[in-house]
């Protein structure tokens, strides 16, 4: 299989290494020279490109791929104009290629922060994040494209307790909608190998403890200090369901409970 990764960040690099290890031909873009050389050393055909620049150079890469993992991010920190420019450039780049399937990595941050259970049928566009929806719609304009809306991503050196060690935690009463890196890598691989029936999927571990429970459990497991205090902050009970993809693929999570990450 010939795979193209756009935006080879923390998650995508793990996927790239896994696919290369399975004998697949992997091409990956990055904006960093250090990562460019690291990817090369791992047997990945890396190239440098910045989709925030309008006049990116012509890249000497194949024009046909079996699978594209599009991991170029859209965040709330970006302005609408920056995202419009970024995804316009990505679209121009993709128009020059042919592929069997593209998977775009979005975020469950697209759903509003309120008391509700969200699945893929939620379609109140006025309540979606404008910026994250912009990115999804730009990529779904292409055929043979699907979206994984990822939950909070942890694993390896990303330990939830680390971000609250000796600090005040004001989100402890909120529901955790997290997913482990290892599960996401496997689910991306399954997307490459299987025909998906829907356009959009939530990718979230099936167990949803309170964030306070995850902080305490991961602090004990990895030896981090506990927060100095758990304050009462916004305590909306937002639950994002990942049942659709799990049932469709018959997938059993390696890490179903964020308290065991």
Protein backbone atom coordinates (compact mmCIF):
# COMPACT_ATOMS: atom_id res chain seq x y z
CA UNK A 1 0.00 0.00 0.00
CA UNK A 2 1.27 3.50 -0.83
CA UNK A 3 0.33 5.96 1.93
CA UNK A 4 0.56 9.75 2.05
CA UNK A 5 0.50 11.58 5.38
CA UNK A 6 -0.14 15.31 5.37
CA UNK A 7 1.03 16.87 8.61
CA UNK A 8 3.15 14.22 10.30
CA UNK A 9 2.67 15.25 13.92
CA UNK A 10 2.81 13.21 17.11
CA UNK A 11 -0.04 10.86 16.22
CA UNK A 12 0.67 10.63 12.49
CA UNK A 13 4.32 9.82 13.09
CA UNK A 14 3.32 6.81 15.20
CA UNK A 15 1.05 5.66 12.37
CA UNK A 16 3.81 6.24 9.79
CA UNK A 17 6.32 4.16 11.73
CA UNK A 18 3.76 1.37 12.24
CA UNK A 19 2.86 1.24 8.54
CA UNK A 20 6.49 1.33 7.43
CA UNK A 21 7.18 -1.53 9.81
CA UNK A 22 4.44 -3.53 8.06
CA UNK A 23 6.14 -3.01 4.70
CA UNK A 24 3.98 -0.21 3.32
CA UNK A 25 5.42 2.69 1.32
CA UNK A 26 4.87 5.83 3.37
CA UNK A 27 5.30 9.45 2.30
CA UNK A 28 4.92 12.17 4.91
CA UNK A 29 4.97 15.96 5.03
CA UNK A 30 6.40 18.04 7.84
CA UNK A 31 7.34 21.67 8.42
CA UNK A 32 10.38 20.79 10.56
CA UNK A 33 13.86 19.92 9.29
CA UNK A 34 14.61 17.90 12.43
CA UNK A 35 11.56 15.72 11.85
CA UNK A 36 12.29 15.50 8.14
CA UNK A 37 15.60 13.80 8.92
CA UNK A 38 14.10 11.61 11.66
CA UNK A 39 11.39 10.34 9.34
CA UNK A 40 13.97 9.63 6.65
CA UNK A 41 15.97 7.60 9.16
CA UNK A 42 12.85 5.53 9.88
CA UNK A 43 12.46 4.63 6.20
CA UNK A 44 9.70 7.16 5.52
CA UNK A 45 9.80 9.31 2.37
CA UNK A 46 9.54 12.71 4.02
CA UNK A 47 9.25 16.15 2.45
CA UNK A 48 8.87 19.68 3.79
CA UNK A 49 5.83 21.77 3.06
CA UNK A 50 3.95 24.52 4.91
CA UNK A 51 0.31 24.78 3.89
CA UNK A 52 0.01 28.22 5.47
CA UNK A 53 2.19 29.60 2.68
CA UNK A 54 0.47 30.33 -0.59
CA UNK A 55 3.34 29.58 -2.93
CA UNK A 56 4.49 26.19 -1.73
CA UNK A 57 6.93 24.49 -4.11
CA UNK A 58 6.17 21.65 -6.49
CA UNK A 59 6.98 18.48 -4.62
CA UNK A 60 8.61 15.49 -6.24
CA UNK A 61 6.24 12.89 -4.90
CA UNK A 62 4.03 10.27 -6.57
CA UNK A 63 0.71 11.50 -7.93
CA UNK A 64 -1.29 8.45 -6.88
CA UNK A 65 -1.84 6.92 -3.43
CA UNK A 66 -3.92 4.14 -1.95
CA UNK A 67 -4.56 6.01 1.30
CA UNK A 68 -4.11 9.60 2.49
CA UNK A 69 -4.04 10.42 6.18
CA UNK A 70 -4.75 14.14 6.41
CA UNK A 71 -3.59 15.25 9.82
CA UNK A 72 -3.34 19.00 9.16
CA UNK A 73 -4.95 20.53 12.20
CA UNK A 74 -7.58 23.19 12.67
CA UNK A 75 -7.80 24.64 16.17
CA UNK A 76 -9.79 27.28 17.97
CA UNK A 77 -6.57 29.30 18.30
CA UNK A 78 -6.44 29.81 14.54
CA UNK A 79 -8.35 32.67 12.95
CA UNK A 80 -10.95 31.91 10.30
CA UNK A 81 -8.82 33.64 7.67
CA UNK A 82 -5.77 31.52 8.54
CA UNK A 83 -7.83 28.33 8.30
CA UNK A 84 -9.46 29.38 5.03
CA UNK A 85 -6.02 29.97 3.54
CA UNK A 86 -4.58 26.75 4.99
CA UNK A 87 -7.32 24.48 3.73
CA UNK A 88 -7.51 26.24 0.38
CA UNK A 89 -3.84 25.41 -0.11
CA UNK A 90 -4.40 21.83 0.99
CA UNK A 91 -7.23 21.55 -1.51
CA UNK A 92 -5.03 22.88 -4.32
CA UNK A 93 -2.40 20.31 -3.37
CA UNK A 94 -4.89 17.44 -3.26
CA UNK A 95 -6.37 18.36 -6.63
CA UNK A 96 -3.11 17.24 -8.24
CA UNK A 97 -3.32 13.75 -6.73
CA UNK A 98 -5.37 10.62 -7.13
CA UNK A 99 -6.20 8.36 -4.21
CA UNK A 100 -8.45 5.49 -3.23
CA UNK A 101 -9.36 6.90 0.20
CA UNK A 102 -8.61 9.95 2.33
CA UNK A 103 -9.08 10.13 6.11
CA UNK A 104 -9.15 13.58 7.71
CA UNK A 105 -8.48 13.84 11.45
CA UNK A 106 -10.88 16.26 13.07
CA UNK A 107 -11.82 16.76 16.71
CA UNK A 108 -14.78 16.20 19.01
CA UNK A 109 -14.20 19.84 19.92
CA UNK A 110 -16.57 20.50 17.04
CA UNK A 111 -19.47 19.65 19.40
CA UNK A 112 -20.76 22.29 21.86
CA UNK A 113 -19.79 22.16 25.53
CA UNK A 114 -23.10 21.34 27.17
CA UNK A 115 -24.99 18.54 28.93
CA UNK A 116 -25.72 16.07 26.14
CA UNK A 117 -24.66 12.82 24.50
CA UNK A 118 -23.28 13.49 21.04
CA UNK A 119 -23.14 10.96 18.24
CA UNK A 120 -22.59 11.43 14.52
CA UNK A 121 -26.29 12.16 13.94
CA UNK A 122 -26.00 15.50 15.74
CA UNK A 123 -26.46 18.03 12.96
CA UNK A 124 -27.19 21.40 14.59
CA UNK A 125 -24.71 23.32 12.45
CA UNK A 126 -25.27 26.53 14.39
CA UNK A 127 -23.86 24.78 17.49
CA UNK A 128 -20.78 23.34 15.80
CA UNK A 129 -17.42 25.06 16.12
CA UNK A 130 -17.27 27.31 13.06
CA UNK A 131 -13.53 26.80 12.61
CA UNK A 132 -13.49 23.02 12.95
CA UNK A 133 -16.52 22.69 10.69
CA UNK A 134 -14.78 24.82 8.05
CA UNK A 135 -11.88 22.35 7.94
CA UNK A 136 -14.12 19.28 7.79
CA UNK A 137 -16.29 20.68 5.02
CA UNK A 138 -13.26 21.69 2.95
CA UNK A 139 -11.97 18.12 3.02
CA UNK A 140 -15.36 16.43 2.61
CA UNK A 141 -15.74 18.35 -0.65
CA UNK A 142 -13.41 15.67 -2.04
CA UNK A 143 -14.78 12.26 -2.91
CA UNK A 144 -13.61 9.12 -1.11
CA UNK A 145 -13.01 11.13 2.07
CA UNK A 146 -13.97 10.29 5.66
CA UNK A 147 -13.51 12.13 8.97
CA UNK A 148 -12.39 10.77 12.33
CA UNK A 149 -13.37 13.20 15.11
CA UNK A 150 -10.80 12.36 17.77
CA UNK A 151 -11.33 12.58 21.50
CA UNK A 152 -8.66 13.92 23.84
CA UNK A 153 -5.53 12.05 22.81
CA UNK A 154 -3.17 10.47 25.33
CA UNK A 155 -0.47 7.79 25.42
CA UNK A 156 3.32 7.54 25.49
CA UNK A 157 4.56 10.78 27.06
CA UNK A 158 1.12 12.39 27.09
CA UNK A 159 -0.17 11.64 30.58
CA UNK A 160 -3.24 13.55 31.74
CA UNK A 161 -2.00 14.00 35.31
CA UNK A 162 1.19 15.71 34.09
CA UNK A 163 -0.77 18.80 33.07
CA UNK A 164 -2.22 19.27 36.57
CA UNK A 165 0.73 18.33 38.79
CA UNK A 166 0.95 20.87 41.63
CA UNK A 167 -1.65 23.02 39.90
CA UNK A 168 -5.31 23.79 40.44
CA UNK A 169 -7.70 21.59 38.46
CA UNK A 170 -11.02 23.28 37.69
CA UNK A 171 -12.34 20.71 35.18
CA UNK A 172 -12.40 17.63 37.40
CA UNK A 173 -16.19 17.26 37.39
CA UNK A 174 -16.37 17.17 33.59
CA UNK A 175 -16.75 13.93 31.68
CA UNK A 176 -13.62 12.52 30.02
CA UNK A 177 -13.94 11.91 26.28
CA UNK A 178 -10.46 10.53 25.73
CA UNK A 179 -8.79 8.00 23.46
CA UNK A 180 -5.41 6.27 23.58
CA UNK A 181 -2.79 6.76 20.87
CA UNK A 182 -2.45 3.01 20.28
CA UNK A 183 -6.17 2.64 19.60
CA UNK A 184 -6.20 5.55 17.16
CA UNK A 185 -3.23 4.15 15.22
CA UNK A 186 -5.05 0.81 14.88
CA UNK A 187 -8.33 2.46 13.90
CA UNK A 188 -6.60 4.53 11.21
CA UNK A 189 -5.06 1.32 9.87
CA UNK A 190 -8.49 -0.30 9.78
CA UNK A 191 -9.86 2.71 7.88
CA UNK A 192 -7.15 2.20 5.27
CA UNK A 193 -7.94 -1.50 4.93
CA UNK A 194 -11.75 -1.48 5.07
CA UNK A 195 -14.64 0.18 3.27
CA UNK A 196 -16.28 2.64 5.66
CA UNK A 197 -20.04 3.03 5.47
CA UNK A 198 -20.31 6.60 6.83
CA UNK A 199 -18.56 9.90 6.23
CA UNK A 200 -17.97 10.90 9.85
CA UNK A 201 -17.02 8.92 12.95
CA UNK A 202 -16.30 9.83 16.56
CA UNK A 203 -13.17 8.12 17.88
CA UNK A 204 -13.53 8.00 21.67
CA UNK A 205 -12.87 5.29 24.25
CA UNK A 206 -16.14 3.68 25.43
CA UNK A 207 -15.72 4.45 29.17
CA UNK A 208 -16.34 8.04 30.32
CA UNK A 209 -15.16 8.66 33.90
CA UNK A 210 -14.88 12.11 35.42
CA UNK A 211 -11.64 13.92 34.57
CA UNK A 212 -10.83 14.05 38.29
CA UNK A 213 -10.73 10.24 38.36
CA UNK A 214 -8.38 10.18 35.38
CA UNK A 215 -6.05 12.73 36.97
CA UNK A 216 -5.81 10.73 40.21
CA UNK A 217 -5.39 7.37 38.46
CA UNK A 218 -2.70 8.56 36.05
CA UNK A 219 -0.85 10.45 38.80
CA UNK A 220 -0.61 7.25 40.81
CA UNK A 221 0.37 5.14 37.81
CA UNK A 222 3.11 7.44 36.52
CA UNK A 223 4.29 9.10 39.73
CA UNK A 224 3.09 12.64 39.11
CA UNK A 225 2.06 14.98 41.91
CA UNK A 226 -1.64 15.51 42.41
CA UNK A 227 -3.23 18.91 41.78
CA UNK A 228 -2.91 21.31 44.67
CA UNK A 229 -6.68 21.67 44.62
CA UNK A 230 -9.76 20.51 42.73
CA UNK A 231 -11.91 23.59 42.25
CA UNK A 232 -15.49 23.62 41.08
CA UNK A 233 -15.45 24.93 37.52
CA UNK A 234 -17.64 24.40 34.47
CA UNK A 235 -19.16 20.97 35.14
CA UNK A 236 -21.20 20.28 31.99
CA UNK A 237 -21.62 16.57 31.29
CA UNK A 238 -20.67 16.34 27.61
CA UNK A 239 -20.43 12.72 26.46
CA UNK A 240 -19.25 11.86 22.96
CA UNK A 241 -20.14 8.38 21.75
CA UNK A 242 -17.75 6.39 19.59
CA UNK A 243 -20.11 3.42 19.24
CA UNK A 244 -20.69 3.81 15.50
CA UNK A 245 -17.12 3.07 14.43
CA UNK A 246 -16.58 0.48 17.14
CA UNK A 247 -19.62 -1.53 16.06
CA UNK A 248 -19.00 -1.15 12.34
CA UNK A 249 -15.43 -2.46 12.57
CA UNK A 250 -16.12 -4.90 15.40
CA UNK A 251 -13.28 -3.20 17.25
CA UNK A 252 -12.29 -3.97 20.83
CA UNK A 253 -10.41 -1.10 22.41
CA UNK A 254 -6.95 -1.84 23.78
CA UNK A 255 -7.56 0.92 26.34
CA UNK A 256 -11.33 1.28 26.88
CA UNK A 257 -11.01 3.20 30.17
CA UNK A 258 -8.99 6.45 30.39
CA UNK A 259 -8.20 5.65 34.03
CA UNK A 260 -5.99 2.86 32.69
CA UNK A 261 -4.13 4.90 30.06
